[in-house]
Structures are given as C-alpha cells and as structure tokens.
C-alpha cells in the first residue's frame, strides 16, 4: 500500500510528463470553475487542479530563471572570448499572481 507521500510523488511525475501547452490551456477553465462555485466537490477539485497546474507553470519559470542565472555566471569559452559576442537573453518577466477570492 502506497503512502501519501508516495502517491503525491507519483502524481508529480505524471504531471511533469504532461504537455505544458495542454496544461496551460486548462488553467483558465479551472480558475473559472473556482470563481463560479457550483458544488463543494467541484469547487474543491477545481482549486486543487488549478494550483497543481499553476505550480507546474511556476516551476518552469523558476527553472528558466535559474538556468539563465547559471549561464550568465559561467566563464566564456575560448570561442566566445575571441571577440564574438553571444546575444543576450531577454529577461523573463515575473508572473503576475492574483488573489482568488
């Protein structure tokens, strides 16, 4: 019998294997369901799914920021220091988070 933590890890691995665009397309749907309360069970499910998907989105933003940070710290290779400059990555905006009432 799987523990709660094991089940959550399985859920996380399944979500991480999903297509990011498909998940992001569902985000407004679950936000709408949270805001337009229909039943307790539907609302609870919508809240959990919304924040699960939003957590995936935030994970990707933080991952990209971390990679950019590490890349900006690394020493230039011999080819890069020979005068050729690489284009600067556009800074990624932080997400705007809204409080859902």
N, C-alpha and C. Protein backbone atom coordinates (compact mmCIF):
# COMPACT_ATOMS: atom_id res chain seq x y z
N UNK A 1 0.84 -1.17 0.00
CA UNK A 1 0.00 0.00 0.00
C UNK A 1 0.89 1.25 0.00
N UNK A 2 0.63 2.15 -0.91
CA UNK A 2 1.45 3.34 -1.05
C UNK A 2 1.10 4.37 0.02
N UNK A 3 2.14 5.05 0.49
CA UNK A 3 1.92 6.11 1.47
C UNK A 3 1.43 7.36 0.75
N UNK A 4 0.98 8.32 1.53
CA UNK A 4 0.52 9.58 0.96
C UNK A 4 1.64 10.25 0.18
N UNK A 5 2.83 10.27 0.75
CA UNK A 5 3.96 10.90 0.06
C UNK A 5 4.28 10.19 -1.25
N UNK A 6 4.23 8.87 -1.26
CA UNK A 6 4.49 8.12 -2.50
C UNK A 6 3.44 8.44 -3.56
N UNK A 7 2.19 8.53 -3.15
CA UNK A 7 1.12 8.87 -4.09
C UNK A 7 1.33 10.26 -4.67
N UNK A 8 1.70 11.22 -3.81
CA UNK A 8 1.94 12.58 -4.28
C UNK A 8 3.11 12.63 -5.26
N UNK A 9 4.15 11.86 -5.00
CA UNK A 9 5.29 11.80 -5.91
C UNK A 9 4.88 11.23 -7.25
N UNK A 10 4.03 10.21 -7.23
CA UNK A 10 3.52 9.63 -8.48
C UNK A 10 2.73 10.67 -9.27
N UNK A 11 1.88 11.41 -8.57
CA UNK A 11 1.09 12.46 -9.22
C UNK A 11 2.03 13.50 -9.85
N UNK A 12 3.06 13.90 -9.10
CA UNK A 12 4.02 14.89 -9.60
C UNK A 12 4.71 14.39 -10.86
N UNK A 13 5.13 13.14 -10.86
CA UNK A 13 5.80 12.59 -12.04
C UNK A 13 4.87 12.53 -13.25
N UNK A 14 3.61 12.21 -13.00
CA UNK A 14 2.63 12.18 -14.09
C UNK A 14 2.39 13.58 -14.66
N UNK A 15 2.27 14.57 -13.77
CA UNK A 15 2.06 15.95 -14.23
C UNK A 15 3.28 16.44 -14.99
N UNK A 16 4.48 16.15 -14.50
CA UNK A 16 5.70 16.59 -15.17
C UNK A 16 5.84 15.97 -16.56
N UNK A 17 5.23 14.82 -16.78
CA UNK A 17 5.30 14.16 -18.08
C UNK A 17 4.28 14.70 -19.07
N UNK A 18 3.36 15.54 -18.61
CA UNK A 18 2.30 16.07 -19.48
C UNK A 18 2.81 17.22 -20.34
N UNK A 19 2.08 17.49 -21.40
CA UNK A 19 2.42 18.57 -22.31
C UNK A 19 2.10 19.91 -21.65
N UNK A 20 3.11 20.78 -21.62
CA UNK A 20 2.96 22.07 -20.94
C UNK A 20 1.84 22.91 -21.57
N UNK A 21 1.78 22.95 -22.89
CA UNK A 21 0.74 23.75 -23.55
C UNK A 21 -0.66 23.25 -23.25
N UNK A 22 -0.82 21.94 -23.18
CA UNK A 22 -2.13 21.38 -22.84
C UNK A 22 -2.54 21.78 -21.42
N UNK A 23 -1.58 21.72 -20.51
CA UNK A 23 -1.88 22.11 -19.12
C UNK A 23 -2.23 23.59 -19.02
N UNK A 24 -1.44 24.44 -19.70
CA UNK A 24 -1.69 25.88 -19.61
C UNK A 24 -3.04 26.25 -20.23
N UNK A 25 -3.48 25.48 -21.20
CA UNK A 25 -4.79 25.74 -21.81
C UNK A 25 -5.92 25.44 -20.82
N UNK A 26 -5.68 24.57 -19.86
CA UNK A 26 -6.70 24.22 -18.86
C UNK A 26 -6.77 25.20 -17.70
N UNK A 27 -5.72 25.98 -17.51
CA UNK A 27 -5.66 26.87 -16.35
C UNK A 27 -6.86 27.81 -16.25
N UNK A 28 -7.24 28.52 -17.32
CA UNK A 28 -8.41 29.42 -17.22
C UNK A 28 -9.70 28.66 -16.90
N UNK A 29 -9.81 27.45 -17.40
CA UNK A 29 -11.02 26.65 -17.14
C UNK A 29 -11.21 26.41 -15.65
N UNK A 30 -10.11 26.00 -14.98
CA UNK A 30 -10.22 25.70 -13.55
C UNK A 30 -10.32 26.97 -12.73
N UNK A 31 -9.72 28.05 -13.19
CA UNK A 31 -9.90 29.33 -12.50
C UNK A 31 -11.36 29.76 -12.56
N UNK A 32 -11.96 29.61 -13.72
CA UNK A 32 -13.38 29.95 -13.88
C UNK A 32 -14.26 29.08 -12.99
N UNK A 33 -13.96 27.79 -12.92
CA UNK A 33 -14.75 26.90 -12.07
C UNK A 33 -14.60 27.25 -10.60
N UNK A 34 -13.40 27.71 -10.20
CA UNK A 34 -13.21 28.12 -8.81
C UNK A 34 -14.03 29.37 -8.50
N UNK A 35 -14.04 30.30 -9.44
CA UNK A 35 -14.73 31.57 -9.22
C UNK A 35 -16.25 31.44 -9.30
N UNK A 36 -16.72 30.48 -10.07
CA UNK A 36 -18.16 30.27 -10.24
C UNK A 36 -18.57 29.00 -9.51
N UNK A 37 -18.63 29.12 -8.23
CA UNK A 37 -18.92 28.00 -7.34
C UNK A 37 -20.21 27.28 -7.75
N UNK A 38 -20.10 25.98 -7.99
CA UNK A 38 -21.28 25.18 -8.35
C UNK A 38 -21.62 24.19 -7.24
N UNK A 39 -20.64 23.42 -6.85
CA UNK A 39 -20.84 22.46 -5.75
C UNK A 39 -19.53 22.36 -4.98
N UNK A 40 -19.63 21.87 -3.77
CA UNK A 40 -18.44 21.76 -2.93
C UNK A 40 -17.39 20.87 -3.59
N UNK A 41 -17.79 19.70 -4.05
CA UNK A 41 -16.81 18.77 -4.61
C UNK A 41 -16.18 19.32 -5.89
N UNK A 42 -16.99 19.96 -6.75
CA UNK A 42 -16.44 20.53 -7.98
C UNK A 42 -15.49 21.68 -7.66
N UNK A 43 -15.86 22.51 -6.70
CA UNK A 43 -15.01 23.63 -6.31
C UNK A 43 -13.69 23.14 -5.72
N UNK A 44 -13.76 22.15 -4.82
CA UNK A 44 -12.53 21.61 -4.21
C UNK A 44 -11.60 21.03 -5.27
N UNK A 45 -12.16 20.26 -6.18
CA UNK A 45 -11.37 19.66 -7.26
C UNK A 45 -10.75 20.75 -8.13
N UNK A 46 -11.51 21.78 -8.44
CA UNK A 46 -11.02 22.88 -9.27
C UNK A 46 -9.87 23.61 -8.60
N UNK A 47 -9.97 23.85 -7.31
CA UNK A 47 -8.90 24.53 -6.58
C UNK A 47 -7.62 23.71 -6.64
N UNK A 48 -7.72 22.43 -6.35
CA UNK A 48 -6.53 21.57 -6.35
C UNK A 48 -5.92 21.51 -7.75
N UNK A 49 -6.75 21.34 -8.77
CA UNK A 49 -6.23 21.25 -10.14
C UNK A 49 -5.63 22.57 -10.61
N UNK A 50 -6.28 23.68 -10.27
CA UNK A 50 -5.76 24.99 -10.65
C UNK A 50 -4.36 25.19 -10.07
N UNK A 51 -4.21 24.93 -8.79
CA UNK A 51 -2.91 25.17 -8.16
C UNK A 51 -1.88 24.12 -8.56
N UNK A 52 -2.29 22.94 -8.91
CA UNK A 52 -1.37 21.94 -9.44
C UNK A 52 -0.79 22.41 -10.77
N UNK A 53 -1.67 22.86 -11.66
CA UNK A 53 -1.23 23.36 -12.97
C UNK A 53 -0.41 24.64 -12.80
N UNK A 54 -0.87 25.54 -11.95
CA UNK A 54 -0.14 26.78 -11.73
C UNK A 54 1.23 26.50 -11.11
N UNK A 55 1.32 25.51 -10.26
CA UNK A 55 2.61 25.10 -9.70
C UNK A 55 3.57 24.64 -10.78
N UNK A 56 3.05 23.93 -11.76
CA UNK A 56 3.86 23.48 -12.90
C UNK A 56 4.39 24.69 -13.67
N UNK A 57 3.53 25.69 -13.86
CA UNK A 57 3.92 26.90 -14.58
C UNK A 57 5.01 27.65 -13.81
N UNK A 58 4.83 27.80 -12.51
CA UNK A 58 5.81 28.49 -11.69
C UNK A 58 7.13 27.72 -11.68
N UNK A 59 7.06 26.41 -11.64
CA UNK A 59 8.27 25.59 -11.68
C UNK A 59 9.05 25.88 -12.95
N UNK A 60 8.36 25.97 -14.08
CA UNK A 60 9.04 26.25 -15.34
C UNK A 60 9.66 27.64 -15.36
N UNK A 61 8.97 28.62 -14.82
CA UNK A 61 9.51 29.99 -14.77
C UNK A 61 10.77 30.01 -13.90
N UNK A 62 10.70 29.40 -12.73
CA UNK A 62 11.86 29.39 -11.84
C UNK A 62 13.02 28.61 -12.45
N UNK A 63 12.72 27.53 -13.14
CA UNK A 63 13.76 26.74 -13.79
C UNK A 63 14.48 27.58 -14.84
N UNK A 64 13.72 28.28 -15.67
CA UNK A 64 14.32 29.11 -16.72
C UNK A 64 15.16 30.23 -16.10
N UNK A 65 14.66 30.85 -15.04
CA UNK A 65 15.42 31.90 -14.36
C UNK A 65 16.73 31.35 -13.81
N UNK A 66 16.67 30.17 -13.24
CA UNK A 66 17.88 29.55 -12.67
C UNK A 66 18.89 29.22 -13.76
N UNK A 67 18.43 28.67 -14.88
CA UNK A 67 19.32 28.36 -15.98
C UNK A 67 19.96 29.63 -16.53
N UNK A 68 19.15 30.69 -16.69
CA UNK A 68 19.70 31.96 -17.17
C UNK A 68 20.73 32.52 -16.20
N UNK A 69 20.45 32.40 -14.92
CA UNK A 69 21.39 32.87 -13.89
C UNK A 69 22.70 32.10 -13.97
N UNK A 70 22.61 30.79 -14.08
CA UNK A 70 23.82 29.97 -14.17
C UNK A 70 24.59 30.27 -15.45
N UNK A 71 23.88 30.46 -16.55
CA UNK A 71 24.54 30.77 -17.82
C UNK A 71 25.23 32.13 -17.77
N UNK A 72 24.66 33.08 -17.07
CA UNK A 72 25.27 34.40 -17.01
C UNK A 72 26.51 34.40 -16.12
N UNK A 73 26.63 33.44 -15.23
CA UNK A 73 27.79 33.34 -14.33
C UNK A 73 28.94 32.56 -14.94
N UNK A 74 28.64 31.72 -15.91
CA UNK A 74 29.68 30.82 -16.42
C UNK A 74 30.76 31.61 -17.14
N UNK A 75 31.94 31.04 -17.15
CA UNK A 75 33.07 31.68 -17.82
C UNK A 75 32.90 31.52 -19.32
N UNK A 76 33.25 32.54 -20.11
CA UNK A 76 33.13 32.41 -21.55
C UNK A 76 34.14 31.39 -22.08
N UNK A 77 33.71 30.65 -23.09
CA UNK A 77 34.60 29.67 -23.71
C UNK A 77 35.64 30.40 -24.54
N UNK A 78 36.65 29.69 -25.02
CA UNK A 78 37.71 30.31 -25.83
C UNK A 78 37.10 30.96 -27.07
N UNK A 79 36.13 30.31 -27.67
CA UNK A 79 35.49 30.85 -28.87
C UNK A 79 34.76 32.16 -28.55
N UNK A 80 34.05 32.19 -27.41
CA UNK A 80 33.30 33.38 -27.02
C UNK A 80 34.23 34.53 -26.63
N UNK A 81 35.37 34.20 -26.02
CA UNK A 81 36.27 35.26 -25.60
C UNK A 81 37.15 35.77 -26.74
N UNK A 82 37.01 35.18 -27.93
CA UNK A 82 37.81 35.61 -29.07
C UNK A 82 37.22 36.82 -29.76
N UNK A 83 36.25 37.45 -29.13
CA UNK A 83 35.69 38.66 -29.72
C UNK A 83 34.27 38.48 -30.21
N UNK A 84 33.86 37.26 -30.42
CA UNK A 84 32.48 37.02 -30.85
C UNK A 84 31.58 37.11 -29.63
N UNK A 85 30.53 37.88 -29.75
CA UNK A 85 29.62 38.02 -28.62
C UNK A 85 28.37 37.23 -28.89
N UNK A 86 27.84 36.67 -27.84
CA UNK A 86 26.59 35.94 -27.99
C UNK A 86 25.44 36.86 -27.64
N UNK A 87 24.30 36.68 -28.27
CA UNK A 87 23.17 37.57 -27.99
C UNK A 87 22.70 37.39 -26.56
N UNK A 88 22.31 38.49 -25.95
CA UNK A 88 21.79 38.44 -24.58
C UNK A 88 20.37 37.90 -24.59
N UNK A 89 20.07 37.06 -23.62
CA UNK A 89 18.71 36.54 -23.49
C UNK A 89 17.82 37.64 -22.93
N UNK A 90 16.63 37.73 -23.47
CA UNK A 90 15.68 38.72 -22.97
C UNK A 90 15.29 38.34 -21.55
N UNK A 91 15.28 39.30 -20.63
CA UNK A 91 14.90 38.96 -19.25
C UNK A 91 13.45 38.51 -19.20
N UNK A 92 13.21 37.49 -18.44
CA UNK A 92 11.86 36.94 -18.31
C UNK A 92 11.13 37.66 -17.19
N UNK A 93 9.92 38.10 -17.51
CA UNK A 93 9.13 38.80 -16.50
C UNK A 93 8.63 37.83 -15.45
N UNK A 94 8.53 38.32 -14.24
CA UNK A 94 7.95 37.52 -13.17
C UNK A 94 6.44 37.45 -13.39
N UNK A 95 5.82 36.32 -13.06
CA UNK A 95 4.37 36.20 -13.28
C UNK A 95 3.59 37.12 -12.36
N UNK A 96 2.47 37.54 -12.84
CA UNK A 96 1.56 38.34 -12.02
C UNK A 96 0.59 37.36 -11.39
N UNK A 97 0.58 37.32 -10.07
CA UNK A 97 -0.28 36.41 -9.37
C UNK A 97 -1.44 37.18 -8.77
N UNK A 98 -2.63 36.69 -8.97
CA UNK A 98 -3.83 37.33 -8.44
C UNK A 98 -4.40 36.52 -7.30
N UNK A 99 -4.90 37.21 -6.32
CA UNK A 99 -5.56 36.56 -5.20
C UNK A 99 -6.96 36.16 -5.63
N UNK A 100 -7.27 34.88 -5.53
CA UNK A 100 -8.59 34.38 -5.90
C UNK A 100 -9.44 34.37 -4.65
N UNK A 101 -10.54 35.08 -4.69
CA UNK A 101 -11.42 35.17 -3.51
C UNK A 101 -12.46 34.09 -3.54
